[in-house]
Every structure is written in C-alpha cells, then in structure tokens.
Amino acid sequence: MASIRKEIIVERSPETTWAALRDWGGLHESLVPGFVLDTKLDGADRIVSFANGAIARERLVDLDEDAMRLSWTIIEGAYAHHNGVAQVFAEGARHSRFVWIADLLPNELAEPTSAMMETGIQTVKRTLESRPETPPSQPE
C-alpha cells in the first residue's frame, strides 16, 4: 500500500484554515477552487469533479472539530482502496501547518496521486493566503 504525505505552512490562522477544510460540501469554493471544479453532496458522500477530469465519490469518515482533522474514503473512482486525512496544526497564532495524507491501492497510482496532491496543497496555500483572515468567533 502506498502512503503519501504532503504538508505546507499557510500564512493564515488555524481557525481560518480549519474553517475552509471543514467545509465538506464547499471544497471547490473554500479550499481548492480550480483544482476541484465542483462538489455535490449526496448524504454523507460528496461527488468531486477535478480539473483533470477525474470524478470521485468520497465518503466522510470523521470530522473532528477539536483536532481540526477531516478524514474520508473514496468509494467510487480509480482506487481499489483510498483513505485520505487532512489536518490543521497551529504554527503560532497566524500560521497553520496543513497536512494531507493518502493511503491507497494500487501502488501504481502513487506517483500520479502524489503529483495531484502536490498541486492540490499548493492550491490550498494560494487560495487561503489570497483571502482575508476569518475574524474570530465572538463569545455569546
């Protein structure tokens, strides 16, 4: 089984970065516009249309608010097995470390998947850094 890890520092707060990542149905708008062209929700699944023409049905496994961690699996697409995890870590108050890991089969898809993930994570950085910082939530 291939395991691919990508990580990048984003010049945005962990809260802003997490808000974009946790938007399960808005992937194409909030996190990776242009890399993902459209996302359609179907129950707990999302159908993701990528710019390269690939389409995948992804099932939400877990959305952990405290850990700022999202995990999913691809249940329809090119993979015999695919589990993805993305997580945000604080790097001070104004920076985030965005980590994206994919475990997949068959191994032959590792190289093209790694290239796609590199494009995707660069899109995350570019997208988030081009937008204003999300204001912190106000206590009620």
N, C-alpha and C. Protein backbone atom coordinates (compact mmCIF):
# COMPACT_ATOMS: atom_id res chain seq x y z
N MET A 1 0.86 -1.18 0.00
CA MET A 1 0.00 0.00 0.00
C MET A 1 0.89 1.23 0.00
N ALA A 2 0.56 2.17 -0.85
CA ALA A 2 1.31 3.43 -0.91
C ALA A 2 0.75 4.40 0.13
N SER A 3 1.65 5.15 0.74
CA SER A 3 1.25 6.20 1.67
C SER A 3 1.95 7.48 1.24
N ILE A 4 1.17 8.52 1.02
CA ILE A 4 1.69 9.80 0.53
C ILE A 4 1.37 10.87 1.56
N ARG A 5 2.37 11.66 1.89
CA ARG A 5 2.18 12.75 2.87
C ARG A 5 2.66 14.05 2.24
N LYS A 6 1.81 15.07 2.32
CA LYS A 6 2.14 16.41 1.87
C LYS A 6 1.86 17.36 3.02
N GLU A 7 2.71 18.34 3.21
CA GLU A 7 2.40 19.36 4.20
C GLU A 7 2.97 20.69 3.76
N ILE A 8 2.32 21.76 4.25
CA ILE A 8 2.70 23.10 3.83
C ILE A 8 2.32 24.08 4.94
N ILE A 9 3.08 25.14 5.07
CA ILE A 9 2.75 26.21 6.01
C ILE A 9 1.89 27.23 5.27
N VAL A 10 0.78 27.58 5.89
CA VAL A 10 -0.16 28.55 5.33
C VAL A 10 -0.15 29.77 6.23
N GLU A 11 0.00 30.94 5.64
CA GLU A 11 0.02 32.18 6.41
C GLU A 11 -1.40 32.64 6.71
N ARG A 12 -2.10 31.83 7.47
CA ARG A 12 -3.44 32.11 7.97
C ARG A 12 -3.57 31.40 9.30
N SER A 13 -4.45 31.90 10.14
CA SER A 13 -4.64 31.30 11.46
C SER A 13 -5.16 29.87 11.32
N PRO A 14 -4.94 29.05 12.34
CA PRO A 14 -5.50 27.70 12.31
C PRO A 14 -7.02 27.72 12.17
N GLU A 15 -7.69 28.68 12.78
CA GLU A 15 -9.15 28.77 12.70
C GLU A 15 -9.62 29.04 11.28
N THR A 16 -8.95 29.94 10.58
CA THR A 16 -9.30 30.24 9.20
C THR A 16 -9.04 29.04 8.30
N THR A 17 -7.90 28.39 8.50
CA THR A 17 -7.54 27.22 7.68
C THR A 17 -8.52 26.08 7.94
N TRP A 18 -8.86 25.84 9.19
CA TRP A 18 -9.82 24.78 9.54
C TRP A 18 -11.20 25.09 8.98
N ALA A 19 -11.63 26.32 9.04
CA ALA A 19 -12.96 26.68 8.50
C ALA A 19 -13.06 26.30 7.03
N ALA A 20 -12.00 26.51 6.28
CA ALA A 20 -12.01 26.14 4.86
C ALA A 20 -11.98 24.63 4.67
N LEU A 21 -11.15 23.93 5.44
CA LEU A 21 -11.04 22.48 5.31
C LEU A 21 -12.33 21.78 5.72
N ARG A 22 -12.97 22.22 6.77
CA ARG A 22 -14.15 21.52 7.31
C ARG A 22 -15.39 21.71 6.44
N ASP A 23 -15.33 22.58 5.44
CA ASP A 23 -16.47 22.83 4.55
C ASP A 23 -16.59 21.66 3.56
N TRP A 24 -17.13 20.56 4.04
CA TRP A 24 -17.19 19.30 3.28
C TRP A 24 -17.84 19.48 1.91
N GLY A 25 -18.89 20.25 1.82
CA GLY A 25 -19.59 20.42 0.55
C GLY A 25 -19.08 21.57 -0.30
N GLY A 26 -18.20 22.38 0.24
CA GLY A 26 -17.72 23.56 -0.47
C GLY A 26 -16.27 23.50 -0.88
N LEU A 27 -15.74 22.31 -0.99
CA LEU A 27 -14.34 22.10 -1.33
C LEU A 27 -13.90 22.92 -2.54
N HIS A 28 -14.74 22.96 -3.55
CA HIS A 28 -14.43 23.65 -4.81
C HIS A 28 -14.44 25.17 -4.66
N GLU A 29 -15.00 25.69 -3.58
CA GLU A 29 -15.06 27.14 -3.38
C GLU A 29 -14.16 27.59 -2.24
N SER A 30 -14.16 26.87 -1.13
CA SER A 30 -13.47 27.35 0.06
C SER A 30 -12.02 26.93 0.16
N LEU A 31 -11.62 25.84 -0.48
CA LEU A 31 -10.28 25.32 -0.27
C LEU A 31 -9.44 25.18 -1.54
N VAL A 32 -9.99 24.60 -2.58
CA VAL A 32 -9.19 24.32 -3.78
C VAL A 32 -9.90 24.68 -5.09
N PRO A 33 -10.38 25.93 -5.22
CA PRO A 33 -11.03 26.30 -6.48
C PRO A 33 -10.05 26.17 -7.65
N GLY A 34 -10.57 25.65 -8.75
CA GLY A 34 -9.73 25.44 -9.92
C GLY A 34 -9.13 24.05 -9.94
N PHE A 35 -8.67 23.55 -8.82
CA PHE A 35 -8.18 22.17 -8.70
C PHE A 35 -9.38 21.23 -8.68
N VAL A 36 -10.41 21.61 -7.90
CA VAL A 36 -11.70 20.92 -7.90
C VAL A 36 -12.70 21.87 -8.53
N LEU A 37 -13.41 21.39 -9.55
CA LEU A 37 -14.36 22.23 -10.27
C LEU A 37 -15.74 22.26 -9.64
N ASP A 38 -16.15 21.11 -9.02
CA ASP A 38 -17.48 21.06 -8.43
C ASP A 38 -17.52 19.98 -7.36
N THR A 39 -18.39 20.20 -6.38
CA THR A 39 -18.64 19.22 -5.33
C THR A 39 -20.15 19.14 -5.13
N LYS A 40 -20.68 17.95 -5.22
CA LYS A 40 -22.11 17.74 -4.99
C LYS A 40 -22.27 16.81 -3.81
N LEU A 41 -23.14 17.20 -2.87
CA LEU A 41 -23.39 16.36 -1.70
C LEU A 41 -24.48 15.34 -2.00
N ASP A 42 -24.28 14.14 -1.49
CA ASP A 42 -25.25 13.06 -1.60
C ASP A 42 -25.21 12.30 -0.28
N GLY A 43 -26.02 12.73 0.69
CA GLY A 43 -25.96 12.17 2.04
C GLY A 43 -24.63 12.54 2.68
N ALA A 44 -23.94 11.55 3.23
CA ALA A 44 -22.61 11.79 3.83
C ALA A 44 -21.51 11.80 2.78
N ASP A 45 -21.86 11.50 1.54
CA ASP A 45 -20.88 11.46 0.46
C ASP A 45 -20.81 12.81 -0.26
N ARG A 46 -19.68 13.02 -0.91
CA ARG A 46 -19.58 14.12 -1.85
C ARG A 46 -19.02 13.55 -3.15
N ILE A 47 -19.54 14.06 -4.24
CA ILE A 47 -19.05 13.68 -5.56
C ILE A 47 -18.20 14.84 -6.04
N VAL A 48 -16.92 14.56 -6.23
CA VAL A 48 -15.92 15.58 -6.51
C VAL A 48 -15.49 15.49 -7.97
N SER A 49 -15.60 16.62 -8.67
CA SER A 49 -15.15 16.71 -10.07
C SER A 49 -13.87 17.52 -10.09
N PHE A 50 -12.78 16.87 -10.47
CA PHE A 50 -11.46 17.50 -10.51
C PHE A 50 -11.20 18.14 -11.86
N ALA A 51 -10.31 19.11 -11.89
CA ALA A 51 -9.98 19.83 -13.11
C ALA A 51 -9.37 18.92 -14.18
N ASN A 52 -8.72 17.84 -13.76
CA ASN A 52 -8.11 16.91 -14.73
C ASN A 52 -9.11 15.93 -15.32
N GLY A 53 -10.39 16.06 -14.95
CA GLY A 53 -11.43 15.19 -15.49
C GLY A 53 -11.81 14.02 -14.59
N ALA A 54 -11.03 13.76 -13.55
CA ALA A 54 -11.34 12.67 -12.63
C ALA A 54 -12.57 13.02 -11.80
N ILE A 55 -13.35 12.01 -11.49
CA ILE A 55 -14.52 12.16 -10.62
C ILE A 55 -14.42 11.07 -9.55
N ALA A 56 -14.66 11.46 -8.31
CA ALA A 56 -14.59 10.50 -7.21
C ALA A 56 -15.77 10.71 -6.27
N ARG A 57 -16.31 9.61 -5.79
CA ARG A 57 -17.32 9.66 -4.72
C ARG A 57 -16.57 9.41 -3.42
N GLU A 58 -16.61 10.42 -2.55
CA GLU A 58 -15.90 10.35 -1.28
C GLU A 58 -16.91 10.28 -0.14
N ARG A 59 -16.62 9.40 0.81
CA ARG A 59 -17.48 9.27 1.99
C ARG A 59 -16.77 9.85 3.20
N LEU A 60 -17.49 10.72 3.90
CA LEU A 60 -16.96 11.31 5.12
C LEU A 60 -16.82 10.22 6.18
N VAL A 61 -15.62 10.11 6.76
CA VAL A 61 -15.37 9.16 7.83
C VAL A 61 -15.46 9.87 9.17
N ASP A 62 -14.78 11.02 9.29
CA ASP A 62 -14.80 11.75 10.55
C ASP A 62 -14.46 13.21 10.32
N LEU A 63 -15.14 14.06 11.06
CA LEU A 63 -14.83 15.49 11.09
C LEU A 63 -14.65 15.82 12.57
N ASP A 64 -13.40 15.98 12.99
CA ASP A 64 -13.04 16.18 14.39
C ASP A 64 -12.71 17.64 14.63
N GLU A 65 -13.66 18.35 15.22
CA GLU A 65 -13.50 19.79 15.47
C GLU A 65 -12.31 20.08 16.38
N ASP A 66 -12.17 19.30 17.44
CA ASP A 66 -11.10 19.56 18.41
C ASP A 66 -9.71 19.36 17.80
N ALA A 67 -9.55 18.31 17.02
CA ALA A 67 -8.26 18.02 16.39
C ALA A 67 -8.07 18.74 15.06
N MET A 68 -9.12 19.43 14.58
CA MET A 68 -9.10 20.09 13.26
C MET A 68 -8.64 19.08 12.20
N ARG A 69 -9.34 17.94 12.18
CA ARG A 69 -8.97 16.81 11.33
C ARG A 69 -10.19 16.29 10.59
N LEU A 70 -10.01 16.08 9.30
CA LEU A 70 -11.07 15.57 8.43
C LEU A 70 -10.55 14.29 7.78
N SER A 71 -11.36 13.23 7.81
CA SER A 71 -10.95 12.00 7.13
C SER A 71 -12.08 11.50 6.23
N TRP A 72 -11.69 10.88 5.14
CA TRP A 72 -12.65 10.40 4.15
C TRP A 72 -12.06 9.19 3.43
N THR A 73 -12.94 8.51 2.72
CA THR A 73 -12.51 7.40 1.89
C THR A 73 -13.16 7.55 0.52
N ILE A 74 -12.46 7.15 -0.52
CA ILE A 74 -13.03 7.16 -1.86
C ILE A 74 -13.69 5.80 -2.08
N ILE A 75 -15.00 5.85 -2.34
CA ILE A 75 -15.74 4.59 -2.51
C ILE A 75 -16.07 4.29 -3.97
N GLU A 76 -15.93 5.30 -4.84
CA GLU A 76 -16.09 5.10 -6.28
C GLU A 76 -15.05 5.95 -6.98
N GLY A 77 -14.27 5.31 -7.81
CA GLY A 77 -13.22 6.02 -8.53
C GLY A 77 -12.16 5.02 -8.96
N ALA A 78 -10.97 5.50 -9.20
CA ALA A 78 -9.90 4.69 -9.77
C ALA A 78 -9.21 3.76 -8.77
N TYR A 79 -9.45 3.93 -7.47
CA TYR A 79 -8.69 3.22 -6.45
C TYR A 79 -9.40 1.96 -5.98
N ALA A 80 -8.61 0.92 -5.69
CA ALA A 80 -9.14 -0.25 -5.00
C ALA A 80 -9.32 0.09 -3.52
N HIS A 81 -8.46 0.96 -3.01
CA HIS A 81 -8.55 1.46 -1.63
C HIS A 81 -7.97 2.87 -1.61
N HIS A 82 -8.65 3.78 -0.91
CA HIS A 82 -8.13 5.13 -0.71
C HIS A 82 -8.70 5.69 0.58
N ASN A 83 -7.82 6.06 1.48
CA ASN A 83 -8.21 6.75 2.69
C ASN A 83 -7.42 8.05 2.74
N GLY A 84 -8.13 9.15 2.93
CA GLY A 84 -7.48 10.45 2.99
C GLY A 84 -7.73 11.11 4.34
N VAL A 85 -6.75 11.85 4.80
CA VAL A 85 -6.86 12.62 6.04
C VAL A 85 -6.20 13.97 5.79
N ALA A 86 -6.86 15.03 6.22
CA ALA A 86 -6.25 16.36 6.20
C ALA A 86 -6.43 16.94 7.60
N GLN A 87 -5.37 17.59 8.08
CA GLN A 87 -5.41 18.12 9.44
C GLN A 87 -4.66 19.44 9.48
N VAL A 88 -5.16 20.32 10.34
CA VAL A 88 -4.57 21.64 10.54
C VAL A 88 -3.92 21.68 11.91
N PHE A 89 -2.68 22.16 11.95
CA PHE A 89 -1.95 22.34 13.20
C PHE A 89 -1.55 23.80 13.33
N ALA A 90 -1.63 24.31 14.54
CA ALA A 90 -1.23 25.70 14.80
C ALA A 90 0.29 25.82 14.68
N GLU A 91 0.70 26.85 14.00
CA GLU A 91 2.11 27.24 13.92
C GLU A 91 2.16 28.69 14.39
N GLY A 92 1.85 28.90 15.65
CA GLY A 92 1.67 30.25 16.17
C GLY A 92 0.24 30.70 15.91
N ALA A 93 -0.04 31.95 16.23
CA ALA A 93 -1.40 32.46 16.11
C ALA A 93 -1.80 32.75 14.67
N ARG A 94 -0.83 33.02 13.81
CA ARG A 94 -1.16 33.48 12.46
C ARG A 94 -0.73 32.55 11.34
N HIS A 95 -0.25 31.38 11.69
CA HIS A 95 0.18 30.42 10.67
C HIS A 95 -0.37 29.04 11.01
N SER A 96 -0.54 28.24 9.98
CA SER A 96 -1.03 26.88 10.12
C SER A 96 -0.14 25.93 9.34
N ARG A 97 -0.01 24.73 9.85
CA ARG A 97 0.61 23.65 9.08
C ARG A 97 -0.55 22.79 8.59
N PHE A 98 -0.68 22.67 7.28
CA PHE A 98 -1.73 21.87 6.64
C PHE A 98 -1.10 20.56 6.21
N VAL A 99 -1.60 19.46 6.75
CA VAL A 99 -1.05 18.13 6.46
C VAL A 99 -2.13 17.30 5.76
N TRP A 100 -1.75 16.68 4.65
CA TRP A 100 -2.66 15.85 3.86
C TRP A 100 -1.99 14.51 3.62
N ILE A 101 -2.64 13.42 4.02
CA ILE A 101 -2.10 12.08 3.87
C ILE A 101 -3.11 11.22 3.11
N ALA A 102 -2.60 10.42 2.20
CA ALA A 102 -3.44 9.45 1.48
C ALA A 102 -2.77 8.09 1.52
N ASP A 103 -3.53 7.08 1.89
CA ASP A 103 -3.09 5.68 1.82
C ASP A 103 -3.92 5.04 0.73
N LEU A 104 -3.26 4.37 -0.23
CA LEU A 104 -4.00 3.91 -1.39
C LEU A 104 -3.46 2.64 -2.02
N LEU A 105 -4.33 2.01 -2.74
CA LEU A 105 -4.01 0.87 -3.61
C LEU A 105 -4.74 1.11 -4.93
N PRO A 106 -4.21 0.71 -6.04
CA PRO A 106 -2.95 0.01 -6.23
C PRO A 106 -1.76 0.97 -6.16
N ASN A 107 -0.60 0.40 -5.88
CA ASN A 107 0.62 1.19 -5.76
C ASN A 107 0.95 1.96 -7.03
N GLU A 108 0.51 1.45 -8.17
CA GLU A 108 0.80 2.12 -9.45
C GLU A 108 0.19 3.52 -9.53
N LEU A 109 -0.80 3.80 -8.69
CA LEU A 109 -1.42 5.12 -8.70
C LEU A 109 -0.72 6.11 -7.75
N ALA A 110 0.32 5.67 -7.07
CA ALA A 110 1.01 6.53 -6.11
C ALA A 110 1.62 7.76 -6.77
N GLU A 111 2.34 7.58 -7.86
CA GLU A 111 3.02 8.71 -8.50
C GLU A 111 2.03 9.76 -9.02
N PRO A 112 1.02 9.38 -9.80
CA PRO A 112 0.07 10.41 -10.26
C PRO A 112 -0.73 11.02 -9.10
N THR A 113 -1.01 10.22 -8.06
CA THR A 113 -1.73 10.76 -6.91
C THR A 113 -0.87 11.76 -6.16
N SER A 114 0.39 11.46 -6.00
CA SER A 114 1.32 12.39 -5.33
C SER A 114 1.40 13.70 -6.09
N ALA A 115 1.48 13.63 -7.41
CA ALA A 115 1.52 14.84 -8.23
C ALA A 115 0.24 15.65 -8.08
N MET A 116 -0.89 14.97 -8.06
CA MET A 116 -2.18 15.65 -7.87
C MET A 116 -2.24 16.31 -6.50
N MET A 117 -1.79 15.59 -5.48
CA MET A 117 -1.82 16.14 -4.13
C MET A 117 -0.90 17.36 -4.00
N GLU A 118 0.22 17.33 -4.68
CA GLU A 118 1.13 18.50 -4.64
C GLU A 118 0.45 19.71 -5.26
N THR A 119 -0.20 19.52 -6.39
CA THR A 119 -0.96 20.61 -7.00
C THR A 119 -2.07 21.09 -6.05
N GLY A 120 -2.75 20.13 -5.44
CA GLY A 120 -3.84 20.47 -4.53
C GLY A 120 -3.38 21.25 -3.32
N ILE A 121 -2.29 20.85 -2.70
CA ILE A 121 -1.84 21.52 -1.48
C ILE A 121 -1.30 22.92 -1.80
N GLN A 122 -0.70 23.07 -2.97
CA GLN A 122 -0.27 24.42 -3.39
C GLN A 122 -1.49 25.31 -3.62
N THR A 123 -2.57 24.72 -4.13
CA THR A 123 -3.82 25.46 -4.33
C THR A 123 -4.41 25.88 -2.99
N VAL A 124 -4.35 25.00 -1.98
CA VAL A 124 -4.81 25.34 -0.63
C VAL A 124 -4.09 26.60 -0.15
N LYS A 125 -2.78 26.60 -0.23
CA LYS A 125 -1.97 27.73 0.24
C LYS A 125 -2.33 29.01 -0.51
N ARG A 126 -2.36 28.92 -1.82
CA ARG A 126 -2.65 30.09 -2.66
C ARG A 126 -4.05 30.64 -2.37
N THR A 127 -5.01 29.75 -2.25
CA THR A 127 -6.40 30.15 -2.01
C THR A 127 -6.53 30.85 -0.66
N LEU A 128 -6.05 30.20 0.38
CA LEU A 128 -6.23 30.76 1.73
C LEU A 128 -5.46 32.06 1.92
N GLU A 129 -4.26 32.13 1.37
CA GLU A 129 -3.46 33.34 1.56
C GLU A 129 -3.95 34.51 0.71
N SER A 130 -4.80 34.23 -0.26
CA SER A 130 -5.33 35.32 -1.10
C SER A 130 -6.63 35.90 -0.53
N ARG A 131 -7.13 35.28 0.53
CA ARG A 131 -8.39 35.73 1.13
C ARG A 131 -8.13 36.37 2.48
N PRO A 132 -9.06 37.23 2.92
CA PRO A 132 -8.88 37.84 4.24
C PRO A 132 -8.99 36.80 5.35
N GLU A 133 -8.33 37.10 6.43
CA GLU A 133 -8.38 36.26 7.63
C GLU A 133 -9.82 36.23 8.15
N THR A 134 -10.32 35.06 8.55
CA THR A 134 -11.64 34.93 9.13
C THR A 134 -11.60 35.53 10.54
N PRO A 135 -12.51 36.45 10.85
CA PRO A 135 -12.49 37.01 12.22
C PRO A 135 -12.83 35.93 13.24
N PRO A 136 -12.22 36.02 14.43
CA PRO A 136 -12.54 35.02 15.45
C PRO A 136 -14.00 35.10 15.88
N SER A 137 -14.54 33.97 16.30
CA SER A 137 -15.92 33.95 16.78
C SER A 137 -16.03 34.79 18.04
N GLN A 138 -17.14 35.50 18.14
CA GLN A 138 -17.39 36.32 19.33
C GLN A 138 -18.14 35.48 20.36
N PRO A 139 -17.75 35.56 21.63
CA PRO A 139 -18.49 34.82 22.66
C PRO A 139 -19.92 35.36 22.76
N GLU A 140 -20.84 34.45 23.04
CA GLU A 140 -22.25 34.86 23.16
C GLU A 140 -22.60 35.17 24.58
